[in-house]
C-alpha atoms as a PDB file:
ATOM      1  CA  UNK A   1     118.823  22.385  29.362  1.00  0.00           C
ATOM      2  CA  UNK A   2     116.270  22.846  27.212  1.00  0.00           C
ATOM      3  CA  UNK A   3     116.035  26.490  28.376  1.00  0.00           C
ATOM      4  CA  UNK A   4     119.444  27.026  26.939  1.00  0.00           C
ATOM      5  CA  UNK A   5     118.405  25.571  23.607  1.00  0.00           C
ATOM      6  CA  UNK A   6     116.033  27.886  23.271  1.00  0.00           C
ATOM      7  CA  UNK A   7     117.804  30.650  23.912  1.00  0.00           C
ATOM      8  CA  UNK A   8     120.324  29.795  21.698  1.00  0.00           C
ATOM      9  CA  UNK A   9     117.256  29.096  18.903  1.00  0.00           C
ATOM     10  CA  UNK A  10     116.148  32.812  20.009  1.00  0.00           C
ATOM     11  CA  UNK A  11     119.868  33.744  19.070  1.00  0.00           C
ATOM     12  CA  UNK A  12     119.968  32.240  16.093  1.00  0.00           C
ATOM     13  CA  UNK A  13     116.289  33.687  14.845  1.00  0.00           C
ATOM     14  CA  UNK A  14     117.562  37.353  15.980  1.00  0.00           C
ATOM     15  CA  UNK A  15     120.812  36.709  13.948  1.00  0.00           C
ATOM     16  CA  UNK A  16     118.952  35.918  11.002  1.00  0.00           C
ATOM     17  CA  UNK A  17     116.159  38.574  11.419  1.00  0.00           C
ATOM     18  CA  UNK A  18     119.169  41.333  11.656  1.00  0.00           C
ATOM     19  CA  UNK A  19     121.020  40.226   8.440  1.00  0.00           C
ATOM     20  CA  UNK A  20     117.706  39.782   6.519  1.00  0.00           C
ATOM     21  CA  UNK A  21     117.139  43.508   8.146  1.00  0.00           C
ATOM     22  CA  UNK A  22     120.626  44.967   6.785  1.00  0.00           C
ATOM     23  CA  UNK A  23     120.362  43.449   3.570  1.00  0.00           C
ATOM     24  CA  UNK A  24     117.020  45.478   2.846  1.00  0.00           C
ATOM     25  CA  UNK A  25     118.448  48.454   3.592  1.00  0.00           C
ATOM     26  CA  UNK A  26     121.324  48.637   1.283  1.00  0.00           C
ATOM     27  CA  UNK A  27     118.713  47.336  -1.656  1.00  0.00           C
ATOM     28  CA  UNK A  28     118.076  49.878  -3.797  1.00  0.00           C
ATOM     29  CA  UNK A  29     114.503  50.750  -5.522  1.00  0.00           C
ATOM     30  CA  UNK A  30     114.819  51.212  -9.782  1.00  0.00           C
ATOM     31  CA  UNK A  31     113.848  55.034 -10.459  1.00  0.00           C
ATOM     32  CA  UNK A  32     110.964  55.109 -11.379  1.00  0.00           C
ATOM     33  CA  UNK A  33     110.990  55.260 -15.227  1.00  0.00           C
ATOM     34  CA  UNK A  34     112.690  52.243 -14.296  1.00  0.00           C
ATOM     35  CA  UNK A  35     110.306  50.370 -13.797  1.00  0.00           C
ATOM     36  CA  UNK A  36     107.138  51.607 -15.149  1.00  0.00           C
ATOM     37  CA  UNK A  37     109.410  51.058 -18.805  1.00  0.00           C
ATOM     38  CA  UNK A  38     109.970  46.910 -17.332  1.00  0.00           C
ATOM     39  CA  UNK A  39     106.097  46.806 -16.708  1.00  0.00           C
ATOM     40  CA  UNK A  40     105.110  48.066 -20.006  1.00  0.00           C
ATOM     41  CA  UNK A  41     107.055  45.407 -21.817  1.00  0.00           C
ATOM     42  CA  UNK A  42     105.486  43.039 -23.293  1.00  0.00           C
ATOM     43  CA  UNK A  43     105.158  39.827 -21.509  1.00  0.00           C
ATOM     44  CA  UNK A  44     107.909  37.920 -23.797  1.00  0.00           C
ATOM     45  CA  UNK A  45     110.566  40.534 -23.669  1.00  0.00           C
ATOM     46  CA  UNK A  46     110.748  39.781 -20.443  1.00  0.00           C
ATOM     47  CA  UNK A  47     114.427  38.031 -18.480  1.00  0.00           C
ATOM     48  CA  UNK A  48     114.646  36.826 -14.922  1.00  0.00           C
ATOM     49  CA  UNK A  49     116.872  38.743 -13.010  1.00  0.00           C
ATOM     50  CA  UNK A  50     118.995  35.889 -12.042  1.00  0.00           C
ATOM     51  CA  UNK A  51     119.734  35.014 -16.163  1.00  0.00           C
ATOM     52  CA  UNK A  52     117.317  32.291 -16.151  1.00  0.00           C
ATOM     53  CA  UNK A  53     114.789  33.416 -17.768  1.00  0.00           C
END
């Protein structure tokens, strides 16, 4: 019984890993000039990507 539970947990972990890996592949990096503009901006002028700050 315990082996079956562990197999289910392993399968769930693998599915989560695969989903996260796919998400990372889908993300696109910002162009270098945009990244530098963000880093150079005064801290008070930065906005959180979620709109909360």
